[in-house]
């Protein structure tokens, strides 16, 4: 039995057909795809962009909360155990940076209609 899978040609209307040899006016798969590329994807709508940004903000706020745990623990424990003051200062600066970022993200979230 002859394998005809390699003998598929596209009619001018785009119908795939099996032939022993390429008929005149027909195209190979590569020729058809080159002449008829897939349309470019639709750009996201403003609503989709907004939803995506809201998801990104919520995700980053969660990351900020997680990143805040260790410095908070060090500060809380350090004040009891006499951890070096410079370590506590570094952790307080880190928390301030994280909170500044979180404030900006929460503001943006409210401005774009997050609830």
Protein backbone atom coordinates (compact mmCIF):
# COMPACT_ATOMS: atom_id res chain seq x y z
CA UNK A 1 0.00 0.00 0.00
CA UNK A 2 1.37 3.39 -1.00
CA UNK A 3 1.70 6.09 1.68
CA UNK A 4 0.07 9.25 0.27
CA UNK A 5 0.57 11.47 3.33
CA UNK A 6 3.40 13.29 1.56
CA UNK A 7 1.24 13.86 -1.51
CA UNK A 8 -1.20 16.32 0.01
CA UNK A 9 -1.72 19.42 -2.09
CA UNK A 10 -4.02 22.37 -1.53
CA UNK A 11 -6.58 23.40 -4.10
CA UNK A 12 -6.89 27.11 -4.97
CA UNK A 13 -9.78 27.19 -2.47
CA UNK A 14 -7.56 25.75 0.26
CA UNK A 15 -8.94 22.22 0.36
CA UNK A 16 -6.30 19.59 1.14
CA UNK A 17 -6.37 16.79 -1.41
CA UNK A 18 -4.20 13.72 -2.04
CA UNK A 19 -2.66 13.40 -5.51
CA UNK A 20 0.17 11.29 -6.92
CA UNK A 21 1.74 14.47 -8.25
CA UNK A 22 1.03 18.13 -7.78
CA UNK A 23 -1.77 19.33 -10.10
CA UNK A 24 -1.34 22.66 -11.83
CA UNK A 25 -2.68 25.52 -9.76
CA UNK A 26 -2.38 23.54 -6.52
CA UNK A 27 -0.05 24.33 -3.65
CA UNK A 28 2.16 22.37 -1.31
CA UNK A 29 1.39 22.86 2.37
CA UNK A 30 4.36 25.22 2.70
CA UNK A 31 3.29 27.26 -0.32
CA UNK A 32 -0.30 27.49 0.97
CA UNK A 33 0.80 28.63 4.43
CA UNK A 34 3.18 31.22 2.95
CA UNK A 35 0.42 32.63 0.74
CA UNK A 36 -2.23 32.51 3.50
CA UNK A 37 -0.61 33.27 6.86
CA UNK A 38 -2.66 33.07 10.03
CA UNK A 39 -4.12 36.45 10.94
CA UNK A 40 -2.30 38.42 13.58
CA UNK A 41 -3.80 37.90 17.02
CA UNK A 42 -6.21 40.53 18.23
CA UNK A 43 -4.63 42.92 20.71
CA UNK A 44 -6.09 42.67 24.21
CA UNK A 45 -9.05 44.89 24.95
CA UNK A 46 -8.79 47.65 27.56
CA UNK A 47 -10.85 45.47 29.90
CA UNK A 48 -8.46 42.55 29.43
CA UNK A 49 -5.45 44.80 30.04
CA UNK A 50 -7.09 46.16 33.18
CA UNK A 51 -7.84 42.65 34.47
CA UNK A 52 -4.28 41.58 33.74
CA UNK A 53 -2.84 44.57 35.60
CA UNK A 54 -5.13 43.97 38.58
CA UNK A 55 -3.89 40.37 38.72
CA UNK A 56 -0.28 41.57 38.57
CA UNK A 57 -0.87 44.09 41.38
CA UNK A 58 -2.55 41.53 43.64
CA UNK A 59 0.27 39.08 43.00
CA UNK A 60 2.96 41.64 43.78
CA UNK A 61 1.18 42.75 46.96
CA UNK A 62 1.23 39.13 48.09
CA UNK A 63 4.96 38.93 47.34
CA UNK A 64 5.53 42.12 49.34
CA UNK A 65 3.64 40.66 52.31
CA UNK A 66 5.79 37.52 52.20
CA UNK A 67 9.00 39.55 51.85
CA UNK A 68 8.02 41.57 54.94
CA UNK A 69 7.79 38.59 57.29
CA UNK A 70 11.49 38.00 57.88
CA UNK A 71 12.41 41.64 58.60
CA UNK A 72 9.41 41.96 60.94
CA UNK A 73 10.41 38.80 62.79
CA UNK A 74 14.00 40.00 63.11
CA UNK A 75 12.90 43.40 64.42
CA UNK A 76 10.46 41.88 66.91
CA UNK A 77 12.92 39.28 68.16
CA UNK A 78 15.90 41.61 67.96
CA UNK A 79 14.47 44.16 70.31
CA UNK A 80 14.15 41.41 72.93
CA UNK A 81 17.48 39.66 72.30
CA UNK A 82 19.68 42.65 71.60
CA UNK A 83 20.28 41.97 67.89
CA UNK A 84 22.77 44.44 66.44
CA UNK A 85 21.17 47.83 65.95
CA UNK A 86 22.48 48.09 62.38
CA UNK A 87 20.63 44.87 61.46
CA UNK A 88 17.40 46.28 62.85
CA UNK A 89 17.96 49.54 60.96
CA UNK A 90 18.53 47.59 57.71
CA UNK A 91 15.33 45.63 58.24
CA UNK A 92 13.35 48.77 58.98
CA UNK A 93 14.68 50.33 55.75
CA UNK A 94 13.68 47.20 53.82
CA UNK A 95 10.20 47.33 55.29
CA UNK A 96 9.90 51.01 54.39
CA UNK A 97 10.89 50.26 50.77
CA UNK A 98 8.35 47.43 50.57
CA UNK A 99 5.62 49.59 52.09
CA UNK A 100 6.37 52.45 49.68
CA UNK A 101 5.95 50.06 46.77
CA UNK A 102 2.78 48.61 48.29
CA UNK A 103 1.27 52.10 48.73
CA UNK A 104 1.89 52.88 45.05
CA UNK A 105 0.37 49.57 43.98
CA UNK A 106 -2.70 50.00 46.19
CA UNK A 107 -3.19 53.51 44.79
CA UNK A 108 -2.94 52.23 41.22
CA UNK A 109 -5.32 49.38 42.06
CA UNK A 110 -7.96 51.83 43.28
CA UNK A 111 -7.43 54.16 40.31
CA UNK A 112 -8.05 51.39 37.77
CA UNK A 113 -11.17 50.22 39.54
CA UNK A 114 -9.98 47.38 41.72
CA UNK A 115 -12.18 46.81 44.73
